[in-house]
Protein backbone atom coordinates (compact mmCIF):
# COMPACT_ATOMS: atom_id res chain seq x y z
CA UNK A 1 12.37 -12.69 -20.43
CA UNK A 2 14.40 -9.88 -21.96
CA UNK A 3 13.12 -6.46 -22.85
CA UNK A 4 11.64 -6.31 -26.34
CA UNK A 5 8.52 -4.92 -27.89
CA UNK A 6 6.96 -8.36 -28.30
CA UNK A 7 5.92 -8.31 -24.65
CA UNK A 8 2.47 -6.80 -24.35
CA UNK A 9 1.77 -5.27 -20.93
CA UNK A 10 -1.84 -5.18 -19.74
CA UNK A 11 -2.42 -2.46 -17.14
CA UNK A 12 -5.37 -3.17 -14.83
CA UNK A 13 -7.14 -0.35 -12.94
CA UNK A 14 -10.11 -1.24 -10.68
CA UNK A 15 -12.34 1.56 -9.39
CA UNK A 16 -15.95 2.41 -8.51
CA UNK A 17 -16.31 5.19 -11.08
CA UNK A 18 -14.14 7.41 -13.23
CA UNK A 19 -12.39 9.93 -10.99
CA UNK A 20 -10.59 13.24 -11.44
CA UNK A 21 -7.23 11.60 -10.76
CA UNK A 22 -7.90 8.93 -13.36
CA UNK A 23 -9.13 11.31 -16.06
CA UNK A 24 -6.59 14.11 -15.64
CA UNK A 25 -3.50 12.43 -14.19
CA UNK A 26 -3.50 8.67 -14.68
CA UNK A 27 -4.74 8.08 -18.25
CA UNK A 28 -2.91 11.03 -19.91
CA UNK A 29 0.43 9.81 -18.55
CA UNK A 30 0.17 6.59 -20.53
CA UNK A 31 0.43 8.65 -23.72
CA UNK A 32 3.93 9.61 -22.57
CA UNK A 33 5.16 6.06 -21.95
CA UNK A 34 8.47 5.26 -23.64
CA UNK A 35 7.40 1.61 -23.95
CA UNK A 36 4.52 1.54 -26.44
CA UNK A 37 3.30 -2.07 -26.47
CA UNK A 38 0.59 -1.93 -23.82
CA UNK A 39 -3.13 -1.80 -23.16
CA UNK A 40 -4.98 -0.21 -20.24
CA UNK A 41 -8.09 -1.92 -18.86
CA UNK A 42 -10.31 0.19 -16.61
CA UNK A 43 -12.98 -1.58 -14.56
CA UNK A 44 -15.65 0.79 -13.15
CA UNK A 45 -18.96 -0.42 -11.74
CA UNK A 46 -21.02 1.13 -14.54
CA UNK A 47 -20.66 2.96 -17.86
CA UNK A 48 -20.04 6.72 -17.69
CA UNK A 49 -20.74 9.59 -20.08
CA UNK A 50 -17.02 9.98 -20.79
CA UNK A 51 -16.51 6.40 -22.03
CA UNK A 52 -16.89 6.97 -25.78
CA UNK A 53 -14.78 10.12 -25.71
CA UNK A 54 -11.98 8.33 -23.89
CA UNK A 55 -12.11 5.28 -26.14
CA UNK A 56 -11.89 7.44 -29.26
CA UNK A 57 -8.98 9.44 -27.89
CA UNK A 58 -6.93 6.54 -26.49
CA UNK A 59 -6.80 3.53 -28.81
CA UNK A 60 -5.00 1.41 -26.21
CA UNK A 61 -7.81 1.88 -23.66
CA UNK A 62 -10.54 -0.58 -22.69
CA UNK A 63 -13.42 0.19 -20.33
CA UNK A 64 -15.20 -2.85 -18.87
CA UNK A 65 -18.06 -2.15 -16.44
CA UNK A 66 -18.22 -4.89 -13.81
CA UNK A 67 -21.80 -4.46 -12.56
CA UNK A 68 -22.26 -6.44 -9.36
CA UNK A 69 -18.56 -7.29 -9.19
CA UNK A 70 -17.40 -4.44 -6.95
CA UNK A 71 -14.49 -5.74 -4.84
CA UNK A 72 -11.07 -4.56 -6.12
CA UNK A 73 -9.60 -8.08 -6.05
CA UNK A 74 -12.48 -9.49 -8.10
CA UNK A 75 -12.26 -6.59 -10.55
CA UNK A 76 -8.55 -7.21 -11.05
CA UNK A 77 -9.17 -10.91 -11.64
CA UNK A 78 -11.83 -10.02 -14.21
CA UNK A 79 -9.43 -7.61 -15.89
CA UNK A 80 -6.74 -10.27 -16.18
CA UNK A 81 -9.22 -12.65 -17.83
CA UNK A 82 -9.76 -10.14 -20.64
CA UNK A 83 -6.10 -9.04 -20.81
CA UNK A 84 -4.07 -9.92 -23.91
CA UNK A 85 -0.68 -9.21 -22.36
CA UNK A 86 1.85 -11.70 -21.03
CA UNK A 87 2.77 -9.23 -18.29
CA UNK A 88 0.09 -7.77 -16.02
CA UNK A 89 0.57 -4.38 -14.37
CA UNK A 90 -1.53 -3.12 -11.46
CA UNK A 91 -1.84 0.55 -10.56
CA UNK A 92 -4.44 2.46 -8.54
CA UNK A 93 -6.72 5.08 -10.07
CA UNK A 94 -5.24 7.74 -7.74
CA UNK A 95 -1.72 7.03 -9.00
CA UNK A 96 0.03 7.85 -12.27
CA UNK A 97 3.20 6.43 -13.83
CA UNK A 98 6.49 8.05 -14.64
CA UNK A 99 7.08 8.10 -18.44
CA UNK A 100 9.57 5.22 -18.26
CA UNK A 101 7.44 3.11 -15.88
CA UNK A 102 6.62 0.33 -18.32
CA UNK A 103 10.08 0.37 -19.89
CA UNK A 104 11.86 0.10 -16.55
CA UNK A 105 9.60 -2.72 -15.38
CA UNK A 106 9.67 -4.89 -18.49
CA UNK A 107 13.46 -4.98 -18.70
CA UNK A 108 13.70 -6.24 -15.10
CA UNK A 109 11.91 -9.48 -15.99
CA UNK A 110 13.82 -12.63 -16.80
CA UNK A 111 13.20 -16.34 -16.27
CA UNK A 112 13.97 -16.06 -12.55
CA UNK A 113 11.69 -13.08 -11.84
CA UNK A 114 7.97 -13.65 -11.24
CA UNK A 115 6.97 -10.09 -10.36
CA UNK A 116 8.39 -6.56 -10.27
CA UNK A 117 7.39 -3.63 -8.08
CA UNK A 118 8.55 -0.12 -7.23
CA UNK A 119 7.90 2.90 -5.01
CA UNK A 120 4.81 5.10 -4.97
CA UNK A 121 6.06 8.66 -4.50
CA UNK A 122 4.11 11.69 -3.32
CA UNK A 123 2.83 13.75 -6.31
CA UNK A 124 4.07 17.32 -6.57
CA UNK A 125 0.52 18.71 -6.46
CA UNK A 126 -0.29 17.03 -3.14
CA UNK A 127 -2.20 19.01 -0.52
CA UNK A 128 -1.23 19.54 3.12
CA UNK A 129 -3.01 16.46 4.44
CA UNK A 130 -1.26 14.32 1.86
CA UNK A 131 2.07 15.86 2.86
CA UNK A 132 1.38 15.09 6.51
CA UNK A 133 0.52 11.47 5.78
CA UNK A 134 3.56 11.17 3.54
CA UNK A 135 5.79 12.37 6.36
CA UNK A 136 4.30 9.66 8.57
CA UNK A 137 4.66 6.73 6.17
CA UNK A 138 8.13 7.70 4.91
CA UNK A 139 9.51 7.97 8.45
CA UNK A 140 11.27 5.07 10.14
CA UNK A 141 8.91 5.35 13.10
CA UNK A 142 5.92 5.27 10.78
CA UNK A 143 6.83 2.44 8.40
CA UNK A 144 9.94 0.89 9.91
CA UNK A 145 11.81 -1.22 7.36
CA UNK A 146 9.13 -0.69 4.70
CA UNK A 147 9.79 2.94 3.79
CA UNK A 148 11.10 1.73 0.41
CA UNK A 149 7.47 1.38 -0.65
CA UNK A 150 7.12 5.17 -0.60
CA UNK A 151 10.61 6.48 -1.42
CA UNK A 152 13.22 5.00 -3.80
CA UNK A 153 15.72 2.75 -2.05
CA UNK A 154 18.14 0.04 -3.09
CA UNK A 155 17.04 -2.92 -5.21
CA UNK A 156 15.91 -5.96 -3.21
CA UNK A 157 13.73 -9.04 -3.24
CA UNK A 158 10.48 -8.80 -1.28
CA UNK A 159 7.68 -11.16 -0.29
CA UNK A 160 4.92 -8.59 0.24
CA UNK A 161 3.99 -5.49 -1.72
CA UNK A 162 0.92 -3.30 -2.33
CA UNK A 163 -0.76 -3.48 -5.73
CA UNK A 164 -0.52 0.27 -6.38
CA UNK A 165 2.66 -0.47 -8.40
CA UNK A 166 2.99 -4.16 -9.18
CA UNK A 167 3.85 -6.20 -12.30
CA UNK A 168 3.44 -9.98 -12.54
CA UNK A 169 3.78 -12.56 -15.29
CA UNK A 170 0.31 -13.54 -16.43
CA UNK A 171 1.03 -17.27 -16.37
CA UNK A 172 2.19 -17.03 -12.74
CA UNK A 173 -0.89 -15.00 -11.79
CA UNK A 174 -3.18 -17.57 -13.39
CA UNK A 175 -1.33 -20.51 -11.88
CA UNK A 176 -1.89 -19.31 -8.31
CA UNK A 177 -5.53 -18.46 -9.02
CA UNK A 178 -5.19 -14.68 -8.96
CA UNK A 179 -6.27 -12.49 -6.07
CA UNK A 180 -8.27 -13.89 -3.16
CA UNK A 181 -11.52 -12.07 -3.93
CA UNK A 182 -12.90 -12.12 -0.39
CA UNK A 183 -10.21 -9.80 1.02
CA UNK A 184 -9.94 -6.03 0.87
CA UNK A 185 -7.51 -4.65 1.69
CA UNK A 186 -4.87 -7.33 2.02
CA UNK A 187 -5.58 -9.18 -1.22
CA UNK A 188 -2.18 -8.07 -2.53
CA UNK A 189 -0.44 -9.48 0.55
CA UNK A 190 -2.14 -12.84 -0.06
CA UNK A 191 -1.09 -12.72 -3.72
CA UNK A 192 2.55 -12.14 -2.78
CA UNK A 193 2.36 -14.92 -0.19
CA UNK A 194 1.22 -17.31 -2.91
CA UNK A 195 3.85 -16.16 -5.43
CA UNK A 196 6.80 -16.51 -3.05
CA UNK A 197 5.85 -19.33 -0.69
CA UNK A 198 3.54 -21.52 -2.76
CA UNK A 199 5.16 -21.17 -6.18
CA UNK A 200 8.71 -20.43 -4.99
CA UNK A 201 8.65 -17.31 -7.14
CA UNK A 202 10.59 -14.08 -6.75
CA UNK A 203 9.38 -10.48 -6.48
CA UNK A 204 11.96 -7.85 -7.40
CA UNK A 205 11.69 -4.32 -6.01
CA UNK A 206 13.51 -1.74 -8.12
CA UNK A 207 13.70 2.00 -7.31
CA UNK A 208 13.37 3.05 -10.97
CA UNK A 209 9.93 1.47 -11.42
CA UNK A 210 8.17 4.61 -10.23
CA UNK A 211 4.59 5.79 -9.89
CA UNK A 212 3.25 8.86 -8.12
CA UNK A 213 0.59 7.85 -5.65
CA UNK A 214 -1.77 10.21 -3.85
CA UNK A 215 -2.22 9.75 -0.11
CA UNK A 216 -5.58 10.09 1.60
CA UNK A 217 -6.82 13.69 1.71
CA UNK A 218 -8.39 13.69 5.19
CA UNK A 219 -7.55 12.33 8.63
CA UNK A 220 -10.56 10.03 8.97
CA UNK A 221 -9.79 8.34 5.66
CA UNK A 222 -6.13 7.86 6.53
CA UNK A 223 -6.86 6.36 9.95
CA UNK A 224 -9.54 4.10 8.50
CA UNK A 225 -7.06 2.90 5.88
CA UNK A 226 -4.46 2.01 8.50
CA UNK A 227 -6.98 0.45 10.84
CA UNK A 228 -7.91 -1.85 7.95
CA UNK A 229 -4.23 -2.62 7.41
CA UNK A 230 -3.86 -3.53 11.07
CA UNK A 231 -7.00 -5.68 11.09
CA UNK A 232 -5.97 -7.69 8.04
CA UNK A 233 -2.35 -8.05 9.13
CA UNK A 234 -3.54 -9.49 12.44
CA UNK A 235 -5.89 -11.89 10.65
CA UNK A 236 -3.18 -12.98 8.22
CA UNK A 237 -0.83 -13.64 11.13
CA UNK A 238 -3.51 -15.90 12.59
CA UNK A 239 -3.72 -17.64 9.21
CA UNK A 240 -0.01 -18.43 9.44
CA UNK A 241 1.04 -16.31 6.45
CA UNK A 242 4.83 -16.12 6.42
CA UNK A 243 4.93 -12.56 5.10
CA UNK A 244 2.76 -11.40 8.03
CA UNK A 245 4.73 -13.07 10.84
CA UNK A 246 7.26 -10.34 11.54
CA UNK A 247 7.96 -8.53 14.78
CA UNK A 248 7.68 -5.16 13.02
CA UNK A 249 3.95 -5.72 12.53
CA UNK A 250 3.53 -6.28 16.29
CA UNK A 251 5.23 -3.09 17.40
CA UNK A 252 2.13 -0.80 17.25
CA UNK A 253 0.20 -3.35 19.35
CA UNK A 254 3.05 -3.58 21.85
CA UNK A 255 2.99 0.23 21.95
CA UNK A 256 -0.72 0.19 22.82
CA UNK A 257 -0.10 -2.34 25.61
CA UNK A 258 2.72 -0.15 26.89
CA UNK A 259 0.43 2.89 27.01
CA UNK A 260 -2.11 0.89 29.02
CA UNK A 261 0.60 -0.15 31.49
CA UNK A 262 1.81 3.45 31.68
CA UNK A 263 -1.72 4.65 32.42
CA UNK A 264 -2.08 2.07 35.22
CA UNK A 265 1.26 3.21 36.59
CA UNK A 266 0.12 6.84 36.66
CA UNK A 267 -3.12 5.91 38.41
CA UNK A 268 -1.21 3.86 40.97
CA UNK A 269 1.21 6.69 41.74
CA UNK A 270 -1.66 9.19 41.99
CA UNK A 271 -3.79 7.21 44.47
CA UNK A 272 -0.89 5.95 46.57
CA UNK A 273 0.97 9.26 46.45
CA UNK A 274 4.12 7.52 45.29
CA UNK A 275 6.88 9.56 43.69
CA UNK A 276 9.04 8.14 40.93
CA UNK A 277 12.01 9.71 39.26
CA UNK A 278 11.48 10.71 35.64
CA UNK A 279 14.42 8.44 34.78
CA UNK A 280 12.52 5.39 36.01
CA UNK A 281 12.80 2.65 33.35
CA UNK A 282 9.06 2.66 32.66
CA UNK A 283 9.48 6.06 31.02
CA UNK A 284 12.28 5.03 28.65
CA UNK A 285 10.04 3.88 25.76
CA UNK A 286 7.99 7.08 26.03
CA UNK A 287 11.12 9.23 26.02
CA UNK A 288 12.49 7.41 22.96
CA UNK A 289 9.14 7.81 21.19
CA UNK A 290 9.11 11.54 21.94
CA UNK A 291 12.65 11.92 20.61
CA UNK A 292 11.72 10.23 17.32
CA UNK A 293 8.52 12.31 17.17
CA UNK A 294 10.59 15.46 17.56
CA UNK A 295 12.84 14.26 14.76
CA UNK A 296 9.75 13.76 12.59
CA UNK A 297 8.62 17.31 13.41
CA UNK A 298 11.91 18.83 12.25
CA UNK A 299 12.13 16.60 9.18
CA UNK A 300 8.60 17.60 8.19
CA UNK A 301 9.38 21.27 8.78
CA UNK A 302 12.52 21.04 6.65
CA UNK A 303 10.80 19.13 3.83
CA UNK A 304 7.54 21.08 3.67
CA UNK A 305 8.52 24.52 5.03
CA UNK A 306 5.06 24.40 6.60
CA UNK A 307 4.59 24.63 10.37
CA UNK A 308 1.12 23.04 10.19
CA UNK A 309 2.46 19.99 8.37
CA UNK A 310 5.34 19.76 10.84
CA UNK A 311 3.12 20.13 13.92
CA UNK A 312 0.47 17.63 12.83
CA UNK A 313 2.82 14.92 11.54
CA UNK A 314 3.81 13.56 15.00
CA UNK A 315 0.20 13.70 16.19
CA UNK A 316 -1.01 11.75 13.17
CA UNK A 317 1.80 9.25 13.69
CA UNK A 318 0.61 8.65 17.27
CA UNK A 319 -3.02 8.17 16.17
CA UNK A 320 -1.89 5.83 13.38
CA UNK A 321 -0.01 3.62 15.83
CA UNK A 322 -3.04 3.49 18.13
CA UNK A 323 -5.56 2.56 15.44
CA UNK A 324 -3.27 0.03 13.75
CA UNK A 325 -2.25 -1.55 17.05
CA UNK A 326 -5.81 -1.94 18.35
CA UNK A 327 -7.21 -3.29 15.09
CA UNK A 328 -4.32 -5.75 14.77
CA UNK A 329 -5.59 -7.46 17.94
CA UNK A 330 -9.15 -7.51 16.59
CA UNK A 331 -7.96 -9.04 13.32
CA UNK A 332 -5.85 -11.59 15.17
CA UNK A 333 -8.84 -12.74 17.23
CA UNK A 334 -11.07 -12.86 14.15
CA UNK A 335 -8.49 -14.87 12.23
CA UNK A 336 -8.10 -17.37 15.06
CA UNK A 337 -11.86 -17.89 15.34
CA UNK A 338 -12.69 -18.10 11.66
CA UNK A 339 -10.04 -18.56 8.99
CA UNK A 340 -12.58 -18.84 6.18
CA UNK A 341 -14.35 -15.52 6.76
CA UNK A 342 -12.77 -12.84 8.94
CA UNK A 343 -15.66 -10.44 8.36
CA UNK A 344 -18.27 -12.41 10.33
């Protein structure tokens, strides 16, 4: 599949209702796209007062209220059913594309490529909380080998990618049955699992396929998001998904177990009045963690020039590891007990 204007790209955006980000950042950026053969399909729960105005202004726009269909995966599947394009693009309502987004993506497709994805960068107008969360997820201690999802890195093939910036051939999507509608989040991980390991397809990550993706704007929302990630990753490991069976996904849980052991050690030394040298091996992981946390502090200070962002970034990182690690265990147990429905 070579780049040419005969390829119609259908962009699918699921959401509850029309948001500020969608109206003032997302939709206007499609007017600037260098690749012009596309349609955008928005799937809110209900009609809104802005619908007619938007449809008159943007001829490439479709708005399809989904009513009782409210799960993002089901909305995306519904959008694909109405899509006319042979390439489907998924983007979140709180993200917006770079002007060459469609052009860069479409020319990466050929007969050997099933899907294309790229990084979701922090928008320039992001607030302090977003900057803090961005420091966490773009750090090696925060995302490990997956930082390429949030900052441009070298081209590679992947087997798992979030749907905030994801293109797939429509015939491949239909062949695997689309998204698993009973999962959220994690439906995109299941989709990638099916593309790569059931259909022997390929997913190409390219650093020039860029969107700007807002992070959560408060601590509770960010921690809830990552607790959900941990829960579903644990469940998918129990399901035997190949793209979830990696040691990197276990590390936050191992960290939680280590903290429990460290706490028991402190209690033991307190009650038995036992003295241990600070260089005792049990402290080594904690020392290493503190060193990397200090590095995160200075990186955040250098990047943001904001002492609050720098100070809070390591603390948020610690809380993120705790919530993810604990919920991974919960998801693992749920997945082992019931593979059909992990929400029971």
